[in-house]
Amino acid sequence: MALIEKLKGRLGRTRENLVGSLLQTLRGHKSLDDDLWEEMEEILIRGDVGVETSIKLLDEVRGRIHRLPHPQPENIVELLQNSILQVFRDGAGGLGHGIAPAPPYVILVVGVNGTGKTTSIAKLARLHQEEGKKVLLAGCDTFRAAAAEQLEVWADRLSLELVRNQPGADPAAVAYDALQAARARHVDILIIDTAGRLHTKKNLMEELCKIKRVIAKQNQDGPHETILVLDATVGQNAVSQAELFHRRLGITSIFLAKLDGTARGGIVIAIADRLHIPVSYIGIGESLDDVERFDAQRFVRVLFSTE
C-alpha cells in the first residue's frame, strides 16, 4: 500500500491535469453529446496522450458505451481505463527479464543528453543490487569529458566497480573490455552507458550501432536489453526520439525518467500505443530509490484514483 501511495503522490500533477479534468468534464455533462467527446479529446491531447492515440481510445470507448443498456457519462471512466490497459498489453512485447543463457546479462543504455540517463543507470543498478545481483558498470561515453566521472560518482555511492577509459577512447573497445571484465569477475548484470547524443546525428548513432555489434559478437544474444532513457517532461518529442532510436537499434524497453516532474504523463500511453515498446521502468524522483518497474495496472489504478 505504501508503494501505491508513493506513486499516487508522484503522479499528482498528471492526475490533476489529465484525470481530474476528465472527471470534471464528465460531471458537467448529462448526456453523451458531441461536445463531451470533443472536450475529452482535448484533455487527452493536452495530457500528451497524443492525437492519434486519443482518437483511438475515445473511438473504442464510444463504440463500447453504446452497447450498454443505459449508457451514462460516468460509464466512460471504466471503459477508458480498460482501453488504456489494452494499449499497454498490446505494447508489452520484447521485454527483457534479466535472464541470459550465461551471465553476464548485458544492458545497453542509450538516450540524448539531458534525459537523466546517468542517474537512471544508477537507479537501475540499485534496483538489481537490491534483487541480489552482482552489477558492473561500463562507461562508454568517452566523448564527453565529465561523463565517466559522473558515472564513477554513482559507482562509488553504490560500491560498484566501473570499467572506463580515457576521454576520446573507442567506445566499442571499452564495451569489449567491460564484457571481458564481467566474465572474469562473475558478474550477473553488466550495464553499459553510452554517449548522450542528439538522435539526429548520424555519425554518433553509427557509434552506438558499432557498440551493439561488438557486444553481439562477444556475448550470446547480447545485448539482452537495449534501454532508451526518455525524459517525460519533453512530451511528444520523446516519441520522436524513440522512433529514431528504435529504427536503428531495436529498442527493447524504455526507462521513462522525471515522470514526477510533469503534468503530462499521458506520454506513457502514447509511447506504448505508437511504438509497441514496453515502458519497463519509471523514474519518480531524484533519489536512488525513486524508481519502479512499470506496472500498467497499478499505473492506471493510481492515475484514475479519486482518493
C-alpha atoms as a PDB file:
ATOM      1  CA  MET A   1       0.000   0.000   0.000  1.00  0.00           C
ATOM      2  CA  ALA A   2       2.904   2.346   0.721  1.00  0.00           C
ATOM      3  CA  LEU A   3       4.061   1.881  -2.889  1.00  0.00           C
ATOM      4  CA  ILE A   4       0.630   2.873  -4.195  1.00  0.00           C
ATOM      5  CA  GLU A   5       0.560   5.983  -2.004  1.00  0.00           C
ATOM      6  CA  LYS A   6       4.055   6.986  -3.099  1.00  0.00           C
ATOM      7  CA  LEU A   7       3.184   6.612  -6.768  1.00  0.00           C
ATOM      8  CA  LYS A   8      -0.062   8.495  -6.235  1.00  0.00           C
ATOM      9  CA  GLY A   9       1.841  11.422  -4.783  1.00  0.00           C
ATOM     10  CA  ARG A  10       4.489  11.456  -7.504  1.00  0.00           C
ATOM     11  CA  LEU A  11       1.865  11.353 -10.268  1.00  0.00           C
ATOM     12  CA  GLY A  12      -0.135  14.130  -8.639  1.00  0.00           C
ATOM     13  CA  ARG A  13       0.376  16.692 -11.395  1.00  0.00           C
ATOM     14  CA  THR A  14      -0.628  14.264 -14.151  1.00  0.00           C
ATOM     15  CA  ARG A  15      -3.624  13.019 -12.171  1.00  0.00           C
ATOM     16  CA  GLU A  16      -4.887  16.550 -11.669  1.00  0.00           C
ATOM     17  CA  ASN A  17      -4.261  17.687 -15.233  1.00  0.00           C
ATOM     18  CA  LEU A  18      -5.475  14.585 -17.035  1.00  0.00           C
ATOM     19  CA  VAL A  19      -7.903  12.582 -14.939  1.00  0.00           C
ATOM     20  CA  GLY A  20      -9.079  15.477 -12.777  1.00  0.00           C
ATOM     21  CA  SER A  21     -10.016  17.432 -15.896  1.00  0.00           C
ATOM     22  CA  LEU A  22     -11.756  14.399 -17.412  1.00  0.00           C
ATOM     23  CA  LEU A  23     -13.864  13.821 -14.299  1.00  0.00           C
ATOM     24  CA  GLN A  24     -14.787  17.488 -14.083  1.00  0.00           C
ATOM     25  CA  THR A  25     -15.888  17.449 -17.720  1.00  0.00           C
ATOM     26  CA  LEU A  26     -17.973  14.314 -17.201  1.00  0.00           C
ATOM     27  CA  ARG A  27     -19.723  15.873 -14.208  1.00  0.00           C
ATOM     28  CA  GLY A  28     -20.678  18.830 -16.392  1.00  0.00           C
ATOM     29  CA  HIS A  29     -22.490  16.685 -18.971  1.00  0.00           C
ATOM     30  CA  LYS A  30     -25.693  14.763 -18.510  1.00  0.00           C
ATOM     31  CA  SER A  31     -25.702  13.217 -21.964  1.00  0.00           C
ATOM     32  CA  LEU A  32     -23.204  11.691 -24.376  1.00  0.00           C
ATOM     33  CA  ASP A  33     -23.248  14.581 -26.822  1.00  0.00           C
ATOM     34  CA  ASP A  34     -20.584  15.618 -29.328  1.00  0.00           C
ATOM     35  CA  ASP A  35     -19.372  18.420 -27.081  1.00  0.00           C
ATOM     36  CA  LEU A  36     -18.474  15.889 -24.392  1.00  0.00           C
ATOM     37  CA  TRP A  37     -16.342  13.782 -26.732  1.00  0.00           C
ATOM     38  CA  GLU A  38     -14.607  16.853 -28.153  1.00  0.00           C
ATOM     39  CA  GLU A  39     -13.754  18.143 -24.687  1.00  0.00           C
ATOM     40  CA  MET A  40     -12.406  14.743 -23.649  1.00  0.00           C
ATOM     41  CA  GLU A  41     -10.249  14.564 -26.769  1.00  0.00           C
ATOM     42  CA  GLU A  42      -8.782  17.990 -25.999  1.00  0.00           C
ATOM     43  CA  ILE A  43      -7.959  16.933 -22.435  1.00  0.00           C
ATOM     44  CA  LEU A  44      -6.201  13.741 -23.543  1.00  0.00           C
ATOM     45  CA  ILE A  45      -4.170  15.597 -26.158  1.00  0.00           C
ATOM     46  CA  ARG A  46      -3.237  18.279 -23.622  1.00  0.00           C
ATOM     47  CA  GLY A  47      -2.018  15.495 -21.310  1.00  0.00           C
ATOM     48  CA  ASP A  48       0.357  14.296 -24.076  1.00  0.00           C
ATOM     49  CA  VAL A  49      -1.566  11.147 -24.892  1.00  0.00           C
ATOM     50  CA  GLY A  50      -1.176  12.329 -28.490  1.00  0.00           C
ATOM     51  CA  VAL A  51      -3.706  12.997 -31.247  1.00  0.00           C
ATOM     52  CA  GLU A  52      -3.699   9.516 -32.811  1.00  0.00           C
ATOM     53  CA  THR A  53      -3.862   7.660 -29.508  1.00  0.00           C
ATOM     54  CA  SER A  54      -6.522   9.982 -28.055  1.00  0.00           C
ATOM     55  CA  ILE A  55      -8.792   9.494 -31.061  1.00  0.00           C
ATOM     56  CA  LYS A  56      -8.227   5.733 -30.972  1.00  0.00           C
ATOM     57  CA  LEU A  57      -9.058   5.457 -27.265  1.00  0.00           C
ATOM     58  CA  LEU A  58     -12.212   7.561 -27.496  1.00  0.00           C
ATOM     59  CA  ASP A  59     -13.415   5.746 -30.626  1.00  0.00           C
ATOM     60  CA  GLU A  60     -13.136   2.479 -28.703  1.00  0.00           C
ATOM     61  CA  VAL A  61     -14.929   3.887 -25.668  1.00  0.00           C
ATOM     62  CA  ARG A  62     -17.633   5.409 -27.854  1.00  0.00           C
ATOM     63  CA  GLY A  63     -18.222   2.097 -29.595  1.00  0.00           C
ATOM     64  CA  ARG A  64     -18.484   0.168 -26.333  1.00  0.00           C
ATOM     65  CA  ILE A  65     -20.576   2.568 -24.316  1.00  0.00           C
ATOM     66  CA  HIS A  66     -23.471   2.481 -26.747  1.00  0.00           C
ATOM     67  CA  ARG A  67     -23.727  -1.265 -26.218  1.00  0.00           C
ATOM     68  CA  LEU A  68     -24.681  -0.672 -22.582  1.00  0.00           C
ATOM     69  CA  PRO A  69     -28.410  -0.804 -21.687  1.00  0.00           C
ATOM     70  CA  HIS A  70     -28.448   2.696 -20.184  1.00  0.00           C
ATOM     71  CA  PRO A  71     -25.184   4.464 -21.071  1.00  0.00           C
ATOM     72  CA  GLN A  72     -24.212   7.395 -18.888  1.00  0.00           C
ATOM     73  CA  PRO A  73     -21.183   9.729 -18.897  1.00  0.00           C
ATOM     74  CA  GLU A  74     -19.865   8.100 -15.704  1.00  0.00           C
ATOM     75  CA  ASN A  75     -19.514   4.780 -17.591  1.00  0.00           C
ATOM     76  CA  ILE A  76     -16.792   6.389 -19.675  1.00  0.00           C
ATOM     77  CA  VAL A  77     -14.230   6.273 -16.861  1.00  0.00           C
ATOM     78  CA  GLU A  78     -14.210   2.488 -16.515  1.00  0.00           C
ATOM     79  CA  LEU A  79     -14.259   1.937 -20.276  1.00  0.00           C
ATOM     80  CA  LEU A  80     -11.398   4.383 -20.786  1.00  0.00           C
ATOM     81  CA  GLN A  81      -9.308   2.611 -18.147  1.00  0.00           C
ATOM     82  CA  ASN A  82      -9.892  -0.715 -19.902  1.00  0.00           C
ATOM     83  CA  SER A  83      -8.899   0.746 -23.275  1.00  0.00           C
ATOM     84  CA  ILE A  84      -5.689   2.203 -21.822  1.00  0.00           C
ATOM     85  CA  LEU A  85      -4.812  -1.138 -20.217  1.00  0.00           C
ATOM     86  CA  GLN A  86      -5.308  -2.815 -23.592  1.00  0.00           C
ATOM     87  CA  VAL A  87      -2.833  -0.355 -25.139  1.00  0.00           C
ATOM     88  CA  PHE A  88      -0.239  -1.421 -22.569  1.00  0.00           C
ATOM     89  CA  ARG A  89      -0.972  -5.104 -23.173  1.00  0.00           C
ATOM     90  CA  ASP A  90      -0.553  -4.640 -26.936  1.00  0.00           C
ATOM     91  CA  GLY A  91       2.754  -2.843 -26.406  1.00  0.00           C
ATOM     92  CA  ALA A  92       4.249  -5.315 -23.952  1.00  0.00           C
ATOM     93  CA  GLY A  93       6.336  -7.389 -26.384  1.00  0.00           C
ATOM     94  CA  GLY A  94      10.105  -7.614 -26.341  1.00  0.00           C
ATOM     95  CA  LEU A  95      10.659  -7.034 -22.637  1.00  0.00           C
ATOM     96  CA  GLY A  96      13.862  -8.406 -21.154  1.00  0.00           C
ATOM     97  CA  HIS A  97      13.509 -10.417 -17.960  1.00  0.00           C
ATOM     98  CA  GLY A  98      17.036 -10.371 -16.543  1.00  0.00           C
ATOM     99  CA  ILE A  99      17.813 -13.903 -17.740  1.00  0.00           C
ATOM    100  CA  ALA A 100      20.677 -14.723 -20.103  1.00  0.00           C
ATOM    101  CA  PRO A 101      21.871 -18.101 -21.480  1.00  0.00           C
ATOM    102  CA  ALA A 102      25.017 -17.491 -19.427  1.00  0.00           C
ATOM    103  CA  PRO A 103      25.991 -14.464 -17.356  1.00  0.00           C
ATOM    104  CA  PRO A 104      26.531 -11.632 -17.762  1.00  0.00           C
ATOM    105  CA  TYR A 105      23.155 -10.232 -18.708  1.00  0.00           C
ATOM    106  CA  VAL A 106      24.056  -7.178 -20.783  1.00  0.00           C
ATOM    107  CA  ILE A 107      22.022  -3.979 -20.685  1.00  0.00           C
ATOM    108  CA  LEU A 108      22.853  -1.238 -23.189  1.00  0.00           C
ATOM    109  CA  VAL A 109      21.513   2.161 -22.130  1.00  0.00           C
ATOM    110  CA  VAL A 110      21.022   4.920 -24.703  1.00  0.00           C
ATOM    111  CA  GLY A 111      19.443   8.354 -24.832  1.00  0.00           C
ATOM    112  CA  VAL A 112      20.015  12.008 -25.681  1.00  0.00           C
ATOM    113  CA  ASN A 113      21.755  14.483 -23.413  1.00  0.00           C
ATOM    114  CA  GLY A 114      19.633  15.909 -20.627  1.00  0.00           C
ATOM    115  CA  THR A 115      17.226  12.993 -20.216  1.00  0.00           C
ATOM    116  CA  GLY A 116      18.698  11.923 -16.871  1.00  0.00           C
ATOM    117  CA  LYS A 117      20.419   8.899 -18.377  1.00  0.00           C
ATOM    118  CA  THR A 118      23.308   8.647 -15.905  1.00  0.00           C
ATOM    119  CA  THR A 119      21.025   8.960 -12.883  1.00  0.00           C
ATOM    120  CA  SER A 120      18.659   6.404 -14.408  1.00  0.00           C
ATOM    121  CA  ILE A 121      21.565   3.973 -14.832  1.00  0.00           C
ATOM    122  CA  ALA A 122      22.382   4.391 -11.138  1.00  0.00           C
ATOM    123  CA  LYS A 123      18.745   3.717 -10.213  1.00  0.00           C
ATOM    124  CA  LEU A 124      18.708   0.653 -12.451  1.00  0.00           C
ATOM    125  CA  ALA A 125      21.910  -0.639 -10.870  1.00  0.00           C
ATOM    126  CA  ARG A 126      20.476  -0.099  -7.390  1.00  0.00           C
ATOM    127  CA  LEU A 127      17.308  -1.978  -8.352  1.00  0.00           C
ATOM    128  CA  HIS A 128      19.319  -5.011  -9.498  1.00  0.00           C
ATOM    129  CA  GLN A 129      21.550  -4.809  -6.421  1.00  0.00           C
ATOM    130  CA  GLU A 130      18.512  -4.990  -4.168  1.00  0.00           C
ATOM    131  CA  GLU A 131      17.444  -8.118  -6.040  1.00  0.00           C
ATOM    132  CA  GLY A 132      20.743  -9.740  -5.078  1.00  0.00           C
ATOM    133  CA  LYS A 133      22.528  -9.340  -8.417  1.00  0.00           C
ATOM    134  CA  LYS A 134      26.217  -8.538  -8.835  1.00  0.00           C
ATOM    135  CA  VAL A 135      26.394  -5.471 -11.090  1.00  0.00           C
ATOM    136  CA  LEU A 136      29.222  -3.961 -13.129  1.00  0.00           C
ATOM    137  CA  LEU A 137      29.061  -0.548 -14.850  1.00  0.00           C
ATOM    138  CA  ALA A 138      30.792   0.380 -18.096  1.00  0.00           C
ATOM    139  CA  GLY A 139      31.472   4.000 -19.046  1.00  0.00           C
ATOM    140  CA  CYS A 140      31.353   4.007 -22.851  1.00  0.00           C
ATOM    141  CA  ASP A 141      30.575   7.706 -23.129  1.00  0.00           C
ATOM    142  CA  THR A 142      34.134   8.693 -23.969  1.00  0.00           C
ATOM    143  CA  PHE A 143      33.194  11.769 -25.982  1.00  0.00           C
ATOM    144  CA  ARG A 144      32.200  13.950 -23.035  1.00  0.00           C
ATOM    145  CA  ALA A 145      34.963  14.618 -20.531  1.00  0.00           C
ATOM    146  CA  ALA A 146      32.770  14.596 -17.422  1.00  0.00           C
ATOM    147  CA  ALA A 147      30.632  11.593 -18.375  1.00  0.00           C
ATOM    148  CA  ALA A 148      32.833   8.867 -16.886  1.00  0.00           C
ATOM    149  CA  GLU A 149      33.438  10.978 -13.782  1.00  0.00           C
ATOM    150  CA  GLN A 150      29.698  11.348 -13.210  1.00  0.00           C
ATOM    151  CA  LEU A 151      29.196   7.607 -13.587  1.00  0.00           C
ATOM    152  CA  GLU A 152      32.143   6.993 -11.252  1.00  0.00           C
ATOM    153  CA  VAL A 153      30.479   9.104  -8.538  1.00  0.00           C
ATOM    154  CA  TRP A 154      27.395   6.886  -8.734  1.00  0.00           C
ATOM    155  CA  ALA A 155      29.511   3.729  -8.802  1.00  0.00           C
ATOM    156  CA  ASP A 156      31.267   4.829  -5.603  1.00  0.00           C
ATOM    157  CA  ARG A 157      27.948   5.572  -3.884  1.00  0.00           C
ATOM    158  CA  LEU A 158      26.686   2.127  -4.811  1.00  0.00           C
ATOM    159  CA  SER A 159      30.001   0.384  -4.078  1.00  0.00           C
ATOM    160  CA  LEU A 160      30.146  -0.869  -7.653  1.00  0.00           C
ATOM    161  CA  GLU A 161      33.087  -1.418  -9.952  1.00  0.00           C
ATOM    162  CA  LEU A 162      33.326   0.663 -13.110  1.00  0.00           C
ATOM    163  CA  VAL A 163      35.163  -0.127 -16.330  1.00  0.00           C
ATOM    164  CA  ARG A 164      36.240   3.065 -18.105  1.00  0.00           C
ATOM    165  CA  ASN A 165      38.977   4.516 -20.273  1.00  0.00           C
ATOM    166  CA  GLN A 166      40.470   7.874 -21.139  1.00  0.00           C
ATOM    167  CA  PRO A 167      38.344  10.558 -22.856  1.00  0.00           C
ATOM    168  CA  GLY A 168      38.401  10.026 -26.607  1.00  0.00           C
ATOM    169  CA  ALA A 169      38.930   6.260 -26.399  1.00  0.00           C
ATOM    170  CA  ASP A 170      36.978   3.969 -28.724  1.00  0.00           C
ATOM    171  CA  PRO A 171      33.592   3.378 -27.000  1.00  0.00           C
ATOM    172  CA  ALA A 172      33.244  -0.078 -28.570  1.00  0.00           C
ATOM    173  CA  ALA A 173      36.666  -1.051 -27.212  1.00  0.00           C
ATOM    174  CA  VAL A 174      35.561  -0.021 -23.718  1.00  0.00           C
ATOM    175  CA  ALA A 175      32.418  -2.163 -24.142  1.00  0.00           C
ATOM    176  CA  TYR A 176      34.622  -5.104 -25.172  1.00  0.00           C
ATOM    177  CA  ASP A 177      36.863  -4.648 -22.118  1.00  0.00           C
ATOM    178  CA  ALA A 178      33.807  -4.419 -19.870  1.00  0.00           C
ATOM    179  CA  LEU A 179      32.452  -7.727 -21.205  1.00  0.00           C
ATOM    180  CA  GLN A 180      35.762  -9.449 -20.532  1.00  0.00           C
ATOM    181  CA  ALA A 181      35.848  -7.975 -17.022  1.00  0.00           C
ATOM    182  CA  ALA A 182      32.249  -9.017 -16.357  1.00  0.00           C
ATOM    183  CA  ARG A 183      33.068 -12.627 -17.233  1.00  0.00           C
ATOM    184  CA  ALA A 184      36.283 -12.662 -15.210  1.00  0.00           C
ATOM    185  CA  ARG A 185      34.537 -11.201 -12.149  1.00  0.00           C
ATOM    186  CA  HIS A 186      31.455 -13.470 -12.476  1.00  0.00           C
ATOM    187  CA  VAL A 187      29.083 -10.533 -12.787  1.00  0.00           C
ATOM    188  CA  ASP A 188      25.334 -11.091 -13.163  1.00  0.00           C
ATOM    189  CA  ILE A 189      24.423  -7.753 -14.780  1.00  0.00           C
ATOM    190  CA  LEU A 190      26.580  -5.509 -16.975  1.00  0.00           C
ATOM    191  CA  ILE A 191      25.099  -2.044 -17.547  1.00  0.00           C
ATOM    192  CA  ILE A 192      26.740  -0.104 -20.369  1.00  0.00           C
ATOM    193  CA  ASP A 193      26.445   3.676 -20.513  1.00  0.00           C
ATOM    194  CA  THR A 194      26.766   5.293 -23.942  1.00  0.00           C
ATOM    195  CA  ALA A 195      27.295   8.821 -25.184  1.00  0.00           C
ATOM    196  CA  GLY A 196      24.322  11.072 -24.694  1.00  0.00           C
ATOM    197  CA  ARG A 197      23.678  12.369 -28.151  1.00  0.00           C
ATOM    198  CA  LEU A 198      21.265  14.042 -30.464  1.00  0.00           C
ATOM    199  CA  HIS A 199      19.313  11.228 -32.071  1.00  0.00           C
ATOM    200  CA  THR A 200      19.515  13.053 -35.419  1.00  0.00           C
ATOM    201  CA  LYS A 201      23.343  12.879 -35.575  1.00  0.00           C
ATOM    202  CA  LYS A 202      24.107  10.030 -37.988  1.00  0.00           C
ATOM    203  CA  ASN A 203      27.775   9.501 -37.091  1.00  0.00           C
ATOM    204  CA  LEU A 204      27.025   9.286 -33.366  1.00  0.00           C
ATOM    205  CA  MET A 205      24.180   6.857 -33.981  1.00  0.00           C
ATOM    206  CA  GLU A 206      26.599   4.733 -36.029  1.00  0.00           C
ATOM    207  CA  GLU A 207      28.879   4.588 -32.983  1.00  0.00           C
ATOM    208  CA  LEU A 208      26.008   3.120 -30.965  1.00  0.00           C
ATOM    209  CA  CYS A 209      25.420   0.511 -33.645  1.00  0.00           C
ATOM    210  CA  LYS A 210      29.122  -0.385 -33.510  1.00  0.00           C
ATOM    211  CA  ILE A 211      28.954  -0.903 -29.739  1.00  0.00           C
ATOM    212  CA  LYS A 212      25.953  -3.149 -30.191  1.00  0.00           C
ATOM    213  CA  ARG A 213      27.747  -5.214 -32.844  1.00  0.00           C
ATOM    214  CA  VAL A 214      30.786  -5.698 -30.596  1.00  0.00           C
ATOM    215  CA  ILE A 215      28.544  -6.891 -27.762  1.00  0.00           C
ATOM    216  CA  ALA A 216      26.676  -9.296 -30.061  1.00  0.00           C
ATOM    217  CA  LYS A 217      29.944 -10.884 -31.243  1.00  0.00           C
ATOM    218  CA  GLN A 218      31.205 -11.449 -27.705  1.00  0.00           C
ATOM    219  CA  ASN A 219      28.028 -12.387 -25.852  1.00  0.00           C
ATOM    220  CA  GLN A 220      25.285 -14.764 -26.961  1.00  0.00           C
ATOM    221  CA  ASP A 221      22.075 -12.852 -27.748  1.00  0.00           C
ATOM    222  CA  GLY A 222      23.620  -9.693 -26.301  1.00  0.00           C
ATOM    223  CA  PRO A 223      22.785  -7.025 -25.558  1.00  0.00           C
ATOM    224  CA  HIS A 224      19.861  -8.679 -23.820  1.00  0.00           C
ATOM    225  CA  GLU A 225      18.154  -5.343 -23.270  1.00  0.00           C
ATOM    226  CA  THR A 226      18.601  -2.069 -25.113  1.00  0.00           C
ATOM    227  CA  ILE A 227      17.004   0.507 -22.867  1.00  0.00           C
ATOM    228  CA  LEU A 228      16.176   4.002 -24.077  1.00  0.00           C
ATOM    229  CA  VAL A 229      16.006   6.661 -21.368  1.00  0.00           C
ATOM    230  CA  LEU A 230      13.370   9.292 -22.158  1.00  0.00           C
ATOM    231  CA  ASP A 231      12.519  12.487 -20.318  1.00  0.00           C
ATOM    232  CA  ALA A 232       8.769  12.534 -19.583  1.00  0.00           C
ATOM    233  CA  THR A 233       8.764  16.331 -19.421  1.00  0.00           C
ATOM    234  CA  VAL A 234       9.549  16.780 -23.139  1.00  0.00           C
ATOM    235  CA  GLY A 235       6.198  15.371 -24.237  1.00  0.00           C
ATOM    236  CA  GLN A 236       5.682  14.253 -27.819  1.00  0.00           C
ATOM    237  CA  ASN A 237       9.337  14.917 -28.655  1.00  0.00           C
ATOM    238  CA  ALA A 238      10.052  11.785 -26.595  1.00  0.00           C
ATOM    239  CA  VAL A 239       8.032   9.755 -29.101  1.00  0.00           C
ATOM    240  CA  SER A 240      10.098  11.186 -31.972  1.00  0.00           C
ATOM    241  CA  GLN A 241      13.317  10.296 -30.161  1.00  0.00           C
ATOM    242  CA  ALA A 242      12.098   6.770 -29.510  1.00  0.00           C
ATOM    243  CA  GLU A 243      11.069   6.243 -33.139  1.00  0.00           C
ATOM    244  CA  LEU A 244      14.539   7.117 -34.449  1.00  0.00           C
ATOM    245  CA  PHE A 245      16.458   5.152 -31.817  1.00  0.00           C
ATOM    246  CA  HIS A 246      14.205   2.145 -32.332  1.00  0.00           C
ATOM    247  CA  ARG A 247      14.668   2.235 -36.096  1.00  0.00           C
ATOM    248  CA  ARG A 248      18.450   1.970 -35.776  1.00  0.00           C
ATOM    249  CA  LEU A 249      18.944  -0.033 -32.593  1.00  0.00           C
ATOM    250  CA  GLY A 250      15.831  -2.082 -31.933  1.00  0.00           C
ATOM    251  CA  ILE A 251      14.947  -0.668 -28.522  1.00  0.00           C
ATOM    252  CA  THR A 252      13.551  -3.400 -26.264  1.00  0.00           C
ATOM    253  CA  SER A 253      12.340  -1.258 -23.373  1.00  0.00           C
ATOM    254  CA  ILE A 254      12.062   2.295 -22.107  1.00  0.00           C
ATOM    255  CA  PHE A 255      13.080   3.951 -18.861  1.00  0.00           C
ATOM    256  CA  LEU A 256      10.795   6.970 -18.551  1.00  0.00           C
ATOM    257  CA  ALA A 257      12.575   9.449 -16.292  1.00  0.00           C
ATOM    258  CA  LYS A 258      11.219  12.534 -14.487  1.00  0.00           C
ATOM    259  CA  LEU A 259       7.623  11.311 -14.536  1.00  0.00           C
ATOM    260  CA  ASP A 260       7.068  13.091 -11.238  1.00  0.00           C
ATOM    261  CA  GLY A 261       8.019  16.423 -12.811  1.00  0.00           C
ATOM    262  CA  THR A 262       5.331  16.618 -15.465  1.00  0.00           C
ATOM    263  CA  ALA A 263       1.593  17.202 -15.629  1.00  0.00           C
ATOM    264  CA  ARG A 264       1.573  15.432 -18.982  1.00  0.00           C
ATOM    265  CA  GLY A 265       2.307  11.836 -18.016  1.00  0.00           C
ATOM    266  CA  GLY A 266      -0.038  10.605 -20.720  1.00  0.00           C
ATOM    267  CA  ILE A 267       3.125  10.244 -22.785  1.00  0.00           C
ATOM    268  CA  VAL A 268       3.424   6.738 -21.282  1.00  0.00           C
ATOM    269  CA  ILE A 269       0.239   5.757 -23.114  1.00  0.00           C
ATOM    270  CA  ALA A 270       1.352   7.391 -26.367  1.00  0.00           C
ATOM    271  CA  ILE A 271       4.672   5.525 -26.346  1.00  0.00           C
ATOM    272  CA  ALA A 272       3.031   2.150 -25.766  1.00  0.00           C
ATOM    273  CA  ASP A 273       0.446   2.771 -28.497  1.00  0.00           C
ATOM    274  CA  ARG A 274       2.627   4.340 -31.163  1.00  0.00           C
ATOM    275  CA  LEU A 275       5.778   2.272 -30.786  1.00  0.00           C
ATOM    276  CA  HIS A 276       4.732  -1.011 -29.138  1.00  0.00           C
ATOM    277  CA  ILE A 277       7.812  -0.747 -26.937  1.00  0.00           C
ATOM    278  CA  PRO A 278       7.221  -1.538 -23.271  1.00  0.00           C
ATOM    279  CA  VAL A 279       7.875   1.115 -20.664  1.00  0.00           C
ATOM    280  CA  SER A 280       9.804  -1.086 -18.250  1.00  0.00           C
ATOM    281  CA  TYR A 281      10.941   1.443 -15.646  1.00  0.00           C
ATOM    282  CA  ILE A 282       9.751   4.823 -14.429  1.00  0.00           C
ATOM    283  CA  GLY A 283      11.731   7.432 -12.527  1.00  0.00           C
ATOM    284  CA  ILE A 284       9.539   9.237  -9.993  1.00  0.00           C
ATOM    285  CA  GLY A 285      12.001  11.372  -8.031  1.00  0.00           C
ATOM    286  CA  GLU A 286      15.629  12.326  -7.521  1.00  0.00           C
ATOM    287  CA  SER A 287      16.816   9.733  -5.002  1.00  0.00           C
ATOM    288  CA  LEU A 288      18.164   6.300  -5.931  1.00  0.00           C
ATOM    289  CA  ASP A 289      15.034   4.654  -4.545  1.00  0.00           C
ATOM    290  CA  ASP A 290      12.725   6.707  -6.749  1.00  0.00           C
ATOM    291  CA  VAL A 291      12.424   4.070  -9.450  1.00  0.00           C
ATOM    292  CA  GLU A 292       9.822   1.414 -10.169  1.00  0.00           C
ATOM    293  CA  ARG A 293       9.385  -1.423 -12.545  1.00  0.00           C
ATOM    294  CA  PHE A 294       6.428  -0.210 -14.557  1.00  0.00           C
ATOM    295  CA  ASP A 295       3.170  -1.967 -13.730  1.00  0.00           C
ATOM    296  CA  ALA A 296       0.402  -0.929 -16.124  1.00  0.00           C
ATOM    297  CA  GLN A 297      -2.466  -1.979 -13.864  1.00  0.00           C
ATOM    298  CA  ARG A 298      -1.031  -0.147 -10.883  1.00  0.00           C
ATOM    299  CA  PHE A 299      -0.278   2.912 -13.016  1.00  0.00           C
ATOM    300  CA  VAL A 300      -3.829   3.121 -14.379  1.00  0.00           C
ATOM    301  CA  ARG A 301      -5.326   2.436 -10.961  1.00  0.00           C
ATOM    302  CA  VAL A 302      -3.313   5.273  -9.396  1.00  0.00           C
ATOM    303  CA  LEU A 303      -3.925   7.607 -12.324  1.00  0.00           C
ATOM    304  CA  PHE A 304      -7.696   7.276 -12.028  1.00  0.00           C
ATOM    305  CA  SER A 305      -7.802   7.247  -8.247  1.00  0.00           C
ATOM    306  CA  THR A 306     -10.109   9.906  -6.812  1.00  0.00           C
ATOM    307  CA  GLU A 307      -8.991   9.477  -3.191  1.00  0.00           C
END
